[in-house]
């Protein structure tokens, strides 16, 4: 049995990667990379902080009077909110992070290619 190596054809996009790598090696390119890293770190901290803040507020739902007595399909409303309410919060946090991180990287690419 013969092994076959399957690769993608070489394209014109290759020089853009090489020029980006060359930009990273220059002093200005290193500043751009550090700026990207800082902006991604700041974004991660803001999204994680917001997520933890909302997550920490969920147990406070149990302190609302009358919520434990309310039932939907036999399940107490506070348990239902605690059990299912975190999933939309997680999804929205992830969506915001991905969208913002992609925007940060696009800005970096624009700066690196303009050089």
PDB file of N, CA and C in Angstrom:
ATOM      1  N   UNK A   1       0.847  -1.167   0.000  1.00  0.00           N
ATOM      2  CA  UNK A   1       0.000   0.000   0.000  1.00  0.00           C
ATOM      3  C   UNK A   1       0.898   1.238   0.000  1.00  0.00           C
ATOM      4  N   UNK A   2       0.624   2.142  -0.905  1.00  0.00           N
ATOM      5  CA  UNK A   2       1.431   3.339  -1.063  1.00  0.00           C
ATOM      6  C   UNK A   2       0.775   4.493  -0.319  1.00  0.00           C
ATOM      7  N   UNK A   3       1.603   5.252   0.364  1.00  0.00           N
ATOM      8  CA  UNK A   3       1.090   6.434   1.051  1.00  0.00           C
ATOM      9  C   UNK A   3       1.053   7.606   0.087  1.00  0.00           C
ATOM     10  N   UNK A   4      -0.011   8.374   0.170  1.00  0.00           N
ATOM     11  CA  UNK A   4      -0.176   9.536  -0.680  1.00  0.00           C
ATOM     12  C   UNK A   4      -0.373  10.744   0.229  1.00  0.00           C
ATOM     13  N   UNK A   5       0.364  11.774  -0.049  1.00  0.00           N
ATOM     14  CA  UNK A   5       0.232  13.011   0.730  1.00  0.00           C
ATOM     15  C   UNK A   5      -0.619  13.989  -0.057  1.00  0.00           C
ATOM     16  N   UNK A   6      -1.708  14.431   0.562  1.00  0.00           N
ATOM     17  CA  UNK A   6      -2.628  15.357  -0.085  1.00  0.00           C
ATOM     18  C   UNK A   6      -2.390  16.735   0.523  1.00  0.00           C
ATOM     19  N   UNK A   7      -2.114  17.696  -0.341  1.00  0.00           N
ATOM     20  CA  UNK A   7      -1.889  19.063   0.128  1.00  0.00           C
ATOM     21  C   UNK A   7      -2.716  20.031  -0.693  1.00  0.00           C
ATOM     22  N   UNK A   8      -2.909  21.202  -0.124  1.00  0.00           N
ATOM     23  CA  UNK A   8      -3.624  22.242  -0.852  1.00  0.00           C
ATOM     24  C   UNK A   8      -2.675  22.883  -1.854  1.00  0.00           C
ATOM     25  N   UNK A   9      -3.204  23.321  -2.971  1.00  0.00           N
ATOM     26  CA  UNK A   9      -2.331  23.976  -3.953  1.00  0.00           C
ATOM     27  C   UNK A   9      -1.812  25.300  -3.407  1.00  0.00           C
ATOM     28  N   UNK A  10      -0.635  25.671  -3.837  1.00  0.00           N
ATOM     29  CA  UNK A  10      -0.068  26.963  -3.439  1.00  0.00           C
ATOM     30  C   UNK A  10      -0.916  28.065  -4.048  1.00  0.00           C
ATOM     31  N   UNK A  11      -1.195  29.080  -3.246  1.00  0.00           N
ATOM     32  CA  UNK A  11      -2.047  30.162  -3.752  1.00  0.00           C
ATOM     33  C   UNK A  11      -1.345  31.495  -3.586  1.00  0.00           C
ATOM     34  N   UNK A  12      -1.995  32.530  -4.062  1.00  0.00           N
ATOM     35  CA  UNK A  12      -1.441  33.877  -3.971  1.00  0.00           C
ATOM     36  C   UNK A  12      -1.532  34.425  -2.551  1.00  0.00           C
ATOM     37  N   UNK A  13      -2.265  33.774  -1.680  1.00  0.00           N
ATOM     38  CA  UNK A  13      -2.414  34.247  -0.300  1.00  0.00           C
ATOM     39  C   UNK A  13      -1.136  34.022   0.510  1.00  0.00           C
ATOM     40  N   UNK A  14      -0.254  33.203   0.036  1.00  0.00           N
ATOM     41  CA  UNK A  14       0.974  32.887   0.769  1.00  0.00           C
ATOM     42  C   UNK A  14       1.855  34.111   1.043  1.00  0.00           C
ATOM     43  N   UNK A  15       2.081  35.004   0.100  1.00  0.00           N
ATOM     44  CA  UNK A  15       2.921  36.164   0.390  1.00  0.00           C
ATOM     45  C   UNK A  15       2.359  37.065   1.489  1.00  0.00           C
ATOM     46  N   UNK A  16       1.032  37.124   1.640  1.00  0.00           N
ATOM     47  CA  UNK A  16       0.458  37.954   2.698  1.00  0.00           C
ATOM     48  C   UNK A  16       0.865  37.425   4.061  1.00  0.00           C
ATOM     49  N   UNK A  17       0.913  36.104   4.201  1.00  0.00           N
ATOM     50  CA  UNK A  17       1.339  35.507   5.460  1.00  0.00           C
ATOM     51  C   UNK A  17       2.806  35.824   5.706  1.00  0.00           C
ATOM     52  N   UNK A  18       3.616  35.702   4.666  1.00  0.00           N
ATOM     53  CA  UNK A  18       5.036  35.988   4.821  1.00  0.00           C
ATOM     54  C   UNK A  18       5.274  37.458   5.145  1.00  0.00           C
ATOM     55  N   UNK A  19       4.498  38.362   4.522  1.00  0.00           N
ATOM     56  CA  UNK A  19       4.676  39.779   4.819  1.00  0.00           C
ATOM     57  C   UNK A  19       4.230  40.082   6.240  1.00  0.00           C
ATOM     58  N   UNK A  20       3.206  39.383   6.722  1.00  0.00           N
ATOM     59  CA  UNK A  20       2.756  39.561   8.096  1.00  0.00           C
ATOM     60  C   UNK A  20       3.827  39.082   9.069  1.00  0.00           C
ATOM     61  N   UNK A  21       4.457  37.946   8.744  1.00  0.00           N
ATOM     62  CA  UNK A  21       5.530  37.439   9.596  1.00  0.00           C
ATOM     63  C   UNK A  21       6.705  38.413   9.598  1.00  0.00           C
ATOM     64  N   UNK A  22       7.003  39.000   8.450  1.00  0.00           N
ATOM     65  CA  UNK A  22       8.086  39.978   8.382  1.00  0.00           C
ATOM     66  C   UNK A  22       7.734  41.217   9.186  1.00  0.00           C
ATOM     67  N   UNK A  23       6.458  41.601   9.163  1.00  0.00           N
ATOM     68  CA  UNK A  23       6.031  42.771   9.942  1.00  0.00           C
ATOM     69  C   UNK A  23       6.170  42.504  11.432  1.00  0.00           C
ATOM     70  N   UNK A  24       5.945  41.249  11.849  1.00  0.00           N
ATOM     71  CA  UNK A  24       6.074  40.903  13.259  1.00  0.00           C
ATOM     72  C   UNK A  24       7.531  40.967  13.719  1.00  0.00           C
ATOM     73  N   UNK A  25       8.463  40.768  12.809  1.00  0.00           N
ATOM     74  CA  UNK A  25       9.877  40.782  13.174  1.00  0.00           C
ATOM     75  C   UNK A  25      10.429  42.192  13.313  1.00  0.00           C
ATOM     76  N   UNK A  26       9.795  43.189  12.731  1.00  0.00           N
ATOM     77  CA  UNK A  26      10.278  44.562  12.841  1.00  0.00           C
ATOM     78  C   UNK A  26       9.844  45.155  14.181  1.00  0.00           C
ATOM     79  N   UNK A  27      10.429  46.283  14.532  1.00  0.00           N
ATOM     80  CA  UNK A  27      10.091  46.933  15.803  1.00  0.00           C
ATOM     81  C   UNK A  27       8.635  47.389  15.812  1.00  0.00           C
ATOM     82  N   UNK A  28       8.194  47.956  14.701  1.00  0.00           N
ATOM     83  CA  UNK A  28       6.803  48.400  14.612  1.00  0.00           C
ATOM     84  C   UNK A  28       5.871  47.199  14.639  1.00  0.00           C
ATOM     85  N   UNK A  29       6.246  46.131  13.965  1.00  0.00           N
ATOM     86  CA  UNK A  29       5.437  44.914  13.966  1.00  0.00           C
ATOM     87  C   UNK A  29       5.302  44.332  15.354  1.00  0.00           C
ATOM     88  N   UNK A  30       6.374  44.392  16.135  1.00  0.00           N
ATOM     89  CA  UNK A  30       6.309  43.894  17.509  1.00  0.00           C
ATOM     90  C   UNK A  30       5.372  44.736  18.357  1.00  0.00           C
ATOM     91  N   UNK A  31       5.333  46.034  18.099  1.00  0.00           N
ATOM     92  CA  UNK A  31       4.394  46.912  18.811  1.00  0.00           C
ATOM     93  C   UNK A  31       2.964  46.524  18.454  1.00  0.00           C
ATOM     94  N   UNK A  32       2.716  46.244  17.173  1.00  0.00           N
ATOM     95  CA  UNK A  32       1.383  45.824  16.742  1.00  0.00           C
ATOM     96  C   UNK A  32       0.977  44.519  17.428  1.00  0.00           C
ATOM     97  N   UNK A  33       1.893  43.563  17.496  1.00  0.00           N
ATOM     98  CA  UNK A  33       1.588  42.274  18.112  1.00  0.00           C
ATOM     99  C   UNK A  33       1.304  42.452  19.601  1.00  0.00           C
ATOM    100  N   UNK A  34       2.119  43.250  20.294  1.00  0.00           N
ATOM    101  CA  UNK A  34       1.874  43.497  21.724  1.00  0.00           C
ATOM    102  C   UNK A  34       0.526  44.183  21.930  1.00  0.00           C
ATOM    103  N   UNK A  35       0.194  45.103  21.032  1.00  0.00           N
ATOM    104  CA  UNK A  35      -1.094  45.786  21.120  1.00  0.00           C
ATOM    105  C   UNK A  35      -2.246  44.795  20.938  1.00  0.00           C
ATOM    106  N   UNK A  36      -2.100  43.882  19.986  1.00  0.00           N
ATOM    107  CA  UNK A  36      -3.129  42.860  19.772  1.00  0.00           C
ATOM    108  C   UNK A  36      -3.276  41.981  21.002  1.00  0.00           C
ATOM    109  N   UNK A  37      -2.175  41.563  21.571  1.00  0.00           N
ATOM    110  CA  UNK A  37      -2.219  40.707  22.759  1.00  0.00           C
ATOM    111  C   UNK A  37      -2.901  41.437  23.915  1.00  0.00           C
ATOM    112  N   UNK A  38      -2.549  42.710  24.115  1.00  0.00           N
ATOM    113  CA  UNK A  38      -3.178  43.490  25.192  1.00  0.00           C
ATOM    114  C   UNK A  38      -4.678  43.650  24.962  1.00  0.00           C
ATOM    115  N   UNK A  39      -5.067  43.930  23.729  1.00  0.00           N
ATOM    116  CA  UNK A  39      -6.494  44.123  23.462  1.00  0.00           C
ATOM    117  C   UNK A  39      -7.270  42.818  23.631  1.00  0.00           C
ATOM    118  N   UNK A  40      -6.670  41.696  23.235  1.00  0.00           N
ATOM    119  CA  UNK A  40      -7.337  40.400  23.416  1.00  0.00           C
ATOM    120  C   UNK A  40      -7.443  40.052  24.901  1.00  0.00           C
ATOM    121  N   UNK A  41      -6.393  40.355  25.677  1.00  0.00           N
ATOM    122  CA  UNK A  41      -6.429  40.095  27.117  1.00  0.00           C
ATOM    123  C   UNK A  41      -7.496  40.956  27.789  1.00  0.00           C
ATOM    124  N   UNK A  42      -7.542  42.233  27.434  1.00  0.00           N
ATOM    125  CA  UNK A  42      -8.550  43.134  28.001  1.00  0.00           C
ATOM    126  C   UNK A  42      -9.951  42.639  27.660  1.00  0.00           C
ATOM    127  N   UNK A  43     -10.157  42.216  26.429  1.00  0.00           N
ATOM    128  CA  UNK A  43     -11.456  41.696  26.010  1.00  0.00           C
ATOM    129  C   UNK A  43     -11.826  40.462  26.825  1.00  0.00           C
ATOM    130  N   UNK A  44     -10.877  39.548  26.992  1.00  0.00           N
ATOM    131  CA  UNK A  44     -11.143  38.326  27.757  1.00  0.00           C
ATOM    132  C   UNK A  44     -11.509  38.650  29.202  1.00  0.00           C
ATOM    133  N   UNK A  45     -10.809  39.595  29.801  1.00  0.00           N
ATOM    134  CA  UNK A  45     -11.095  39.962  31.188  1.00  0.00           C
ATOM    135  C   UNK A  45     -12.462  40.631  31.319  1.00  0.00           C
ATOM    136  N   UNK A  46     -12.814  41.487  30.381  1.00  0.00           N
ATOM    137  CA  UNK A  46     -14.121  42.164  30.431  1.00  0.00           C
ATOM    138  C   UNK A  46     -15.254  41.160  30.257  1.00  0.00           C
ATOM    139  N   UNK A  47     -15.130  40.267  29.275  1.00  0.00           N
ATOM    140  CA  UNK A  47     -16.189  39.287  29.040  1.00  0.00           C
ATOM    141  C   UNK A  47     -16.286  38.318  30.221  1.00  0.00           C
ATOM    142  N   UNK A  48     -15.156  37.848  30.734  1.00  0.00           N
ATOM    143  CA  UNK A  48     -15.177  36.941  31.880  1.00  0.00           C
ATOM    144  C   UNK A  48     -15.748  37.636  33.116  1.00  0.00           C
ATOM    145  N   UNK A  49     -15.377  38.889  33.330  1.00  0.00           N
ATOM    146  CA  UNK A  49     -15.913  39.631  34.469  1.00  0.00           C
ATOM    147  C   UNK A  49     -17.418  39.821  34.374  1.00  0.00           C
ATOM    148  N   UNK A  50     -17.886  40.191  33.192  1.00  0.00           N
ATOM    149  CA  UNK A  50     -19.334  40.344  32.992  1.00  0.00           C
ATOM    150  C   UNK A  50     -20.068  39.032  33.173  1.00  0.00           C
ATOM    151  N   UNK A  51     -19.499  37.959  32.646  1.00  0.00           N
ATOM    152  CA  UNK A  51     -20.110  36.636  32.795  1.00  0.00           C
ATOM    153  C   UNK A  51     -20.184  36.238  34.265  1.00  0.00           C
ATOM    154  N   UNK A  52     -19.096  36.433  35.001  1.00  0.00           N
ATOM    155  CA  UNK A  52     -19.081  36.078  36.420  1.00  0.00           C
ATOM    156  C   UNK A  52     -20.038  36.948  37.230  1.00  0.00           C
ATOM    157  N   UNK A  53     -20.173  38.196  36.858  1.00  0.00           N
ATOM    158  CA  UNK A  53     -21.112  39.087  37.534  1.00  0.00           C
ATOM    159  C   UNK A  53     -22.548  38.592  37.349  1.00  0.00           C
ATOM    160  N   UNK A  54     -22.904  38.245  36.122  1.00  0.00           N
ATOM    161  CA  UNK A  54     -24.249  37.733  35.860  1.00  0.00           C
ATOM    162  C   UNK A  54     -24.430  36.373  36.525  1.00  0.00           C
ATOM    163  N   UNK A  55     -23.407  35.536  36.456  1.00  0.00           N
ATOM    164  CA  UNK A  55     -23.478  34.218  37.088  1.00  0.00           C
ATOM    165  C   UNK A  55     -23.657  34.355  38.599  1.00  0.00           C
ATOM    166  N   UNK A  56     -22.974  35.325  39.202  1.00  0.00           N
ATOM    167  CA  UNK A  56     -23.115  35.548  40.637  1.00  0.00           C
ATOM    168  C   UNK A  56     -24.479  36.089  41.018  1.00  0.00           C
ATOM    169  N   UNK A  57     -25.171  36.723  40.075  1.00  0.00           N
ATOM    170  CA  UNK A  57     -26.501  37.265  40.361  1.00  0.00           C
ATOM    171  C   UNK A  57     -27.583  36.188  40.316  1.00  0.00           C
ATOM    172  N   UNK A  58     -27.338  35.081  39.671  1.00  0.00           N
ATOM    173  CA  UNK A  58     -28.349  34.028  39.571  1.00  0.00           C
ATOM    174  C   UNK A  58     -28.771  33.487  40.929  1.00  0.00           C
ATOM    175  N   UNK A  59     -27.855  33.205  41.855  1.00  0.00           N
ATOM    176  CA  UNK A  59     -28.307  32.713  43.169  1.00  0.00           C
ATOM    177  C   UNK A  59     -29.152  33.734  43.934  1.00  0.00           C
ATOM    178  N   UNK A  60     -29.026  34.999  43.605  1.00  0.00           N
ATOM    179  CA  UNK A  60     -29.839  36.014  44.266  1.00  0.00           C
ATOM    180  C   UNK A  60     -31.317  35.875  43.897  1.00  0.00           C
ATOM    181  N   UNK A  61     -31.597  35.146  42.836  1.00  0.00           N
ATOM    182  CA  UNK A  61     -32.988  34.901  42.453  1.00  0.00           C
ATOM    183  C   UNK A  61     -33.727  34.145  43.548  1.00  0.00           C
ATOM    184  N   UNK A  62     -33.003  33.306  44.276  1.00  0.00           N
ATOM    185  CA  UNK A  62     -33.636  32.534  45.342  1.00  0.00           C
ATOM    186  C   UNK A  62     -34.112  33.436  46.474  1.00  0.00           C
ATOM    187  N   UNK A  63     -33.584  34.638  46.575  1.00  0.00           N
ATOM    188  CA  UNK A  63     -33.965  35.558  47.643  1.00  0.00           C
ATOM    189  C   UNK A  63     -35.255  36.318  47.325  1.00  0.00           C
ATOM    190  N   UNK A  64     -35.750  36.195  46.117  1.00  0.00           N
ATOM    191  CA  UNK A  64     -36.987  36.900  45.743  1.00  0.00           C
ATOM    192  C   UNK A  64     -38.165  36.175  46.384  1.00  0.00           C
ATOM    193  N   UNK A  65     -38.942  36.889  47.200  1.00  0.00           N
ATOM    194  CA  UNK A  65     -40.064  36.230  47.877  1.00  0.00           C
ATOM    195  C   UNK A  65     -41.129  35.761  46.879  1.00  0.00           C
ATOM    196  N   UNK A  66     -41.655  34.591  47.122  1.00  0.00           N
ATOM    197  CA  UNK A  66     -42.716  34.047  46.284  1.00  0.00           C
ATOM    198  C   UNK A  66     -42.222  33.322  45.050  1.00  0.00           C
ATOM    199  N   UNK A  67     -40.941  33.427  44.723  1.00  0.00           N
ATOM    200  CA  UNK A  67     -40.429  32.768  43.523  1.00  0.00           C
ATOM    201  C   UNK A  67     -40.387  31.251  43.701  1.00  0.00           C
ATOM    202  N   UNK A  68     -40.065  30.800  44.902  1.00  0.00           N
ATOM    203  CA  UNK A  68     -39.982  29.362  45.160  1.00  0.00           C
ATOM    204  C   UNK A  68     -41.359  28.697  45.080  1.00  0.00           C
ATOM    205  N   UNK A  69     -42.392  29.451  45.375  1.00  0.00           N
ATOM    206  CA  UNK A  69     -43.740  28.874  45.335  1.00  0.00           C
ATOM    207  C   UNK A  69     -44.286  28.810  43.907  1.00  0.00           C
ATOM    208  N   UNK A  70     -43.775  29.620  43.014  1.00  0.00           N
ATOM    209  CA  UNK A  70     -44.226  29.600  41.623  1.00  0.00           C
ATOM    210  C   UNK A  70     -43.686  28.357  40.939  1.00  0.00           C
ATOM    211  N   UNK A  71     -44.553  27.698  40.185  1.00  0.00           N
ATOM    212  CA  UNK A  71     -44.146  26.458  39.516  1.00  0.00           C
ATOM    213  C   UNK A  71     -44.553  26.486  38.052  1.00  0.00           C
ATOM    214  N   UNK A  72     -43.684  25.918  37.223  1.00  0.00           N
ATOM    215  CA  UNK A  72     -43.985  25.721  35.808  1.00  0.00           C
ATOM    216  C   UNK A  72     -43.758  24.243  35.526  1.00  0.00           C
ATOM    217  N   UNK A  73     -44.808  23.560  35.105  1.00  0.00           N
ATOM    218  CA  UNK A  73     -44.769  22.118  34.843  1.00  0.00           C
ATOM    219  C   UNK A  73     -44.282  21.352  36.067  1.00  0.00           C
ATOM    220  N   UNK A  74     -44.666  21.809  37.234  1.00  0.00           N
ATOM    221  CA  UNK A  74     -44.310  21.114  38.467  1.00  0.00           C
ATOM    222  C   UNK A  74     -42.912  21.415  38.988  1.00  0.00           C
ATOM    223  N   UNK A  75     -42.170  22.238  38.270  1.00  0.00           N
ATOM    224  CA  UNK A  75     -40.803  22.570  38.673  1.00  0.00           C
ATOM    225  C   UNK A  75     -40.810  23.975  39.266  1.00  0.00           C
ATOM    226  N   UNK A  76     -40.207  24.159  40.452  1.00  0.00           N
ATOM    227  CA  UNK A  76     -40.156  25.507  41.027  1.00  0.00           C
ATOM    228  C   UNK A  76     -39.463  26.478  40.061  1.00  0.00           C
ATOM    229  N   UNK A  77     -40.015  27.681  39.935  1.00  0.00           N
ATOM    230  CA  UNK A  77     -39.511  28.662  38.973  1.00  0.00           C
ATOM    231  C   UNK A  77     -38.062  29.047  39.246  1.00  0.00           C
ATOM    232  N   UNK A  78     -37.685  29.163  40.527  1.00  0.00           N
ATOM    233  CA  UNK A  78     -36.291  29.528  40.811  1.00  0.00           C
ATOM    234  C   UNK A  78     -35.327  28.433  40.363  1.00  0.00           C
ATOM    235  N   UNK A  79     -35.708  27.171  40.513  1.00  0.00           N
ATOM    236  CA  UNK A  79     -34.852  26.079  40.039  1.00  0.00           C
ATOM    237  C   UNK A  79     -34.775  26.065  38.518  1.00  0.00           C
ATOM    238  N   UNK A  80     -35.897  26.361  37.897  1.00  0.00           N
ATOM    239  CA  UNK A  80     -35.921  26.401  36.436  1.00  0.00           C
ATOM    240  C   UNK A  80     -35.008  27.504  35.906  1.00  0.00           C
ATOM    241  N   UNK A  81     -35.074  28.677  36.542  1.00  0.00           N
ATOM    242  CA  UNK A  81     -34.192  29.772  36.128  1.00  0.00           C
ATOM    243  C   UNK A  81     -32.726  29.437  36.381  1.00  0.00           C
ATOM    244  N   UNK A  82     -32.440  28.856  37.536  1.00  0.00           N
ATOM    245  CA  UNK A  82     -31.049  28.496  37.842  1.00  0.00           C
ATOM    246  C   UNK A  82     -30.529  27.395  36.916  1.00  0.00           C
ATOM    247  N   UNK A  83     -31.409  26.447  36.561  1.00  0.00           N
ATOM    248  CA  UNK A  83     -30.975  25.312  35.736  1.00  0.00           C
ATOM    249  C   UNK A  83     -30.847  25.625  34.262  1.00  0.00           C
ATOM    250  N   UNK A  84     -31.699  26.498  33.750  1.00  0.00           N
ATOM    251  CA  UNK A  84     -31.681  26.749  32.309  1.00  0.00           C
ATOM    252  C   UNK A  84     -31.285  28.175  31.947  1.00  0.00           C
ATOM    253  N   UNK A  85     -31.323  29.085  32.882  1.00  0.00           N
ATOM    254  CA  UNK A  85     -31.048  30.482  32.588  1.00  0.00           C
ATOM    255  C   UNK A  85     -29.601  30.789  32.267  1.00  0.00           C
ATOM    256  N   UNK A  86     -28.691  29.921  32.703  1.00  0.00           N
ATOM    257  CA  UNK A  86     -27.270  30.196  32.491  1.00  0.00           C
ATOM    258  C   UNK A  86     -26.845  29.916  31.044  1.00  0.00           C
ATOM    259  N   UNK A  87     -27.574  29.062  30.343  1.00  0.00           N
ATOM    260  CA  UNK A  87     -27.175  28.714  28.976  1.00  0.00           C
ATOM    261  C   UNK A  87     -27.250  29.894  28.009  1.00  0.00           C
ATOM    262  N   UNK A  88     -28.320  30.682  28.024  1.00  0.00           N
ATOM    263  CA  UNK A  88     -28.302  31.864  27.151  1.00  0.00           C
ATOM    264  C   UNK A  88     -27.207  32.859  27.527  1.00  0.00           C
ATOM    265  N   UNK A  89     -26.934  32.998  28.818  1.00  0.00           N
ATOM    266  CA  UNK A  89     -25.870  33.914  29.257  1.00  0.00           C
ATOM    267  C   UNK A  89     -24.525  33.432  28.728  1.00  0.00           C
ATOM    268  N   UNK A  90     -24.279  32.136  28.803  1.00  0.00           N
ATOM    269  CA  UNK A  90     -23.035  31.564  28.287  1.00  0.00           C
ATOM    270  C   UNK A  90     -22.931  31.773  26.780  1.00  0.00           C
ATOM    271  N   UNK A  91     -24.006  31.516  26.062  1.00  0.00           N
ATOM    272  CA  UNK A  91     -24.001  31.679  24.603  1.00  0.00           C
ATOM    273  C   UNK A  91     -23.782  33.114  24.179  1.00  0.00           C
ATOM    274  N   UNK A  92     -24.448  34.048  24.845  1.00  0.00           N
ATOM    275  CA  UNK A  92     -24.282  35.460  24.498  1.00  0.00           C
ATOM    276  C   UNK A  92     -22.869  35.927  24.809  1.00  0.00           C
ATOM    277  N   UNK A  93     -22.317  35.498  25.936  1.00  0.00           N
ATOM    278  CA  UNK A  93     -20.941  35.869  26.291  1.00  0.00           C
ATOM    279  C   UNK A  93     -19.951  35.339  25.250  1.00  0.00           C
ATOM    280  N   UNK A  94     -20.133  34.097  24.851  1.00  0.00           N
ATOM    281  CA  UNK A  94     -19.242  33.503  23.852  1.00  0.00           C
ATOM    282  C   UNK A  94     -19.366  34.227  22.518  1.00  0.00           C
ATOM    283  N   UNK A  95     -20.595  34.533  22.103  1.00  0.00           N
ATOM    284  CA  UNK A  95     -20.817  35.220  20.835  1.00  0.00           C
ATOM    285  C   UNK A  95     -20.167  36.598  20.849  1.00  0.00           C
ATOM    286  N   UNK A  96     -20.348  37.341  21.947  1.00  0.00           N
ATOM    287  CA  UNK A  96     -19.730  38.667  22.050  1.00  0.00           C
ATOM    288  C   UNK A  96     -18.210  38.580  22.005  1.00  0.00           C
ATOM    289  N   UNK A  97     -17.651  37.580  22.699  1.00  0.00           N
ATOM    290  CA  UNK A  97     -16.197  37.440  22.720  1.00  0.00           C
ATOM    291  C   UNK A  97     -15.659  37.115  21.329  1.00  0.00           C
ATOM    292  N   UNK A  98     -16.271  36.173  20.661  1.00  0.00           N
ATOM    293  CA  UNK A  98     -15.790  35.761  19.329  1.00  0.00           C
ATOM    294  C   UNK A  98     -15.884  36.910  18.338  1.00  0.00           C
ATOM    295  N   UNK A  99     -17.008  37.625  18.362  1.00  0.00           N
ATOM    296  CA  UNK A  99     -17.184  38.751  17.441  1.00  0.00           C
ATOM    297  C   UNK A  99     -16.150  39.848  17.694  1.00  0.00           C
ATOM    298  N   UNK A 100     -15.933  40.175  18.957  1.00  0.00           N
ATOM    299  CA  UNK A 100     -14.976  41.227  19.300  1.00  0.00           C
ATOM    300  C   UNK A 100     -13.535  40.792  19.046  1.00  0.00           C
ATOM    301  N   UNK A 101     -13.216  39.532  19.318  1.00  0.00           N
ATOM    302  CA  UNK A 101     -11.865  39.041  19.068  1.00  0.00           C
ATOM    303  C   UNK A 101     -11.561  39.046  17.569  1.00  0.00           C
ATOM    304  N   UNK A 102     -12.534  38.667  16.765  1.00  0.00           N
ATOM    305  CA  UNK A 102     -12.343  38.700  15.311  1.00  0.00           C
ATOM    306  C   UNK A 102     -12.143  40.137  14.827  1.00  0.00           C
ATOM    307  N   UNK A 103     -12.863  41.080  15.427  1.00  0.00           N
ATOM    308  CA  UNK A 103     -12.697  42.490  15.053  1.00  0.00           C
ATOM    309  C   UNK A 103     -11.293  42.971  15.424  1.00  0.00           C
ATOM    310  N   UNK A 104     -10.803  42.588  16.606  1.00  0.00           N
ATOM    311  CA  UNK A 104      -9.443  42.965  17.013  1.00  0.00           C
ATOM    312  C   UNK A 104      -8.402  42.406  16.038  1.00  0.00           C
ATOM    313  N   UNK A 105      -8.569  41.149  15.653  1.00  0.00           N
ATOM    314  CA  UNK A 105      -7.615  40.530  14.739  1.00  0.00           C
ATOM    315  C   UNK A 105      -7.681  41.157  13.347  1.00  0.00           C
ATOM    316  N   UNK A 106      -8.880  41.533  12.914  1.00  0.00           N
ATOM    317  CA  UNK A 106      -9.013  42.190  11.608  1.00  0.00           C
ATOM    318  C   UNK A 106      -8.308  43.546  11.620  1.00  0.00           C
ATOM    319  N   UNK A 107      -8.436  44.280  12.731  1.00  0.00           N
ATOM    320  CA  UNK A 107      -7.718  45.555  12.847  1.00  0.00           C
ATOM    321  C   UNK A 107      -6.213  45.344  12.804  1.00  0.00           C
ATOM    322  N   UNK A 108      -5.753  44.299  13.481  1.00  0.00           N
ATOM    323  CA  UNK A 108      -4.317  43.999  13.463  1.00  0.00           C
ATOM    324  C   UNK A 108      -3.855  43.671  12.047  1.00  0.00           C
ATOM    325  N   UNK A 109      -4.633  42.829  11.349  1.00  0.00           N
ATOM    326  CA  UNK A 109      -4.271  42.462   9.979  1.00  0.00           C
ATOM    327  C   UNK A 109      -4.211  43.680   9.086  1.00  0.00           C
ATOM    328  N   UNK A 110      -5.180  44.579   9.245  1.00  0.00           N
ATOM    329  CA  UNK A 110      -5.165  45.819   8.441  1.00  0.00           C
ATOM    330  C   UNK A 110      -3.902  46.639   8.717  1.00  0.00           C
ATOM    331  N   UNK A 111      -3.536  46.758   9.986  1.00  0.00           N
ATOM    332  CA  UNK A 111      -2.330  47.510  10.336  1.00  0.00           C
ATOM    333  C   UNK A 111      -1.073  46.834   9.804  1.00  0.00           C
ATOM    334  N   UNK A 112      -1.009  45.494   9.928  1.00  0.00           N
ATOM    335  CA  UNK A 112       0.175  44.761   9.510  1.00  0.00           C
ATOM    336  C   UNK A 112       0.329  44.786   7.984  1.00  0.00           C
ATOM    337  N   UNK A 113      -0.778  44.754   7.258  1.00  0.00           N
ATOM    338  CA  UNK A 113      -0.696  44.745   5.791  1.00  0.00           C
ATOM    339  C   UNK A 113      -0.447  46.141   5.235  1.00  0.00           C
ATOM    340  N   UNK A 114      -0.837  47.186   5.956  1.00  0.00           N
ATOM    341  CA  UNK A 114      -0.615  48.556   5.476  1.00  0.00           C
ATOM    342  C   UNK A 114       0.832  48.968   5.575  1.00  0.00           C
ATOM    343  N   UNK A 115       1.591  48.280   6.381  1.00  0.00           N
ATOM    344  CA  UNK A 115       2.984  48.655   6.579  1.00  0.00           C
ATOM    345  C   UNK A 115       3.770  48.538   5.334  1.00  0.00           C
TER     346      UNK A 115
END
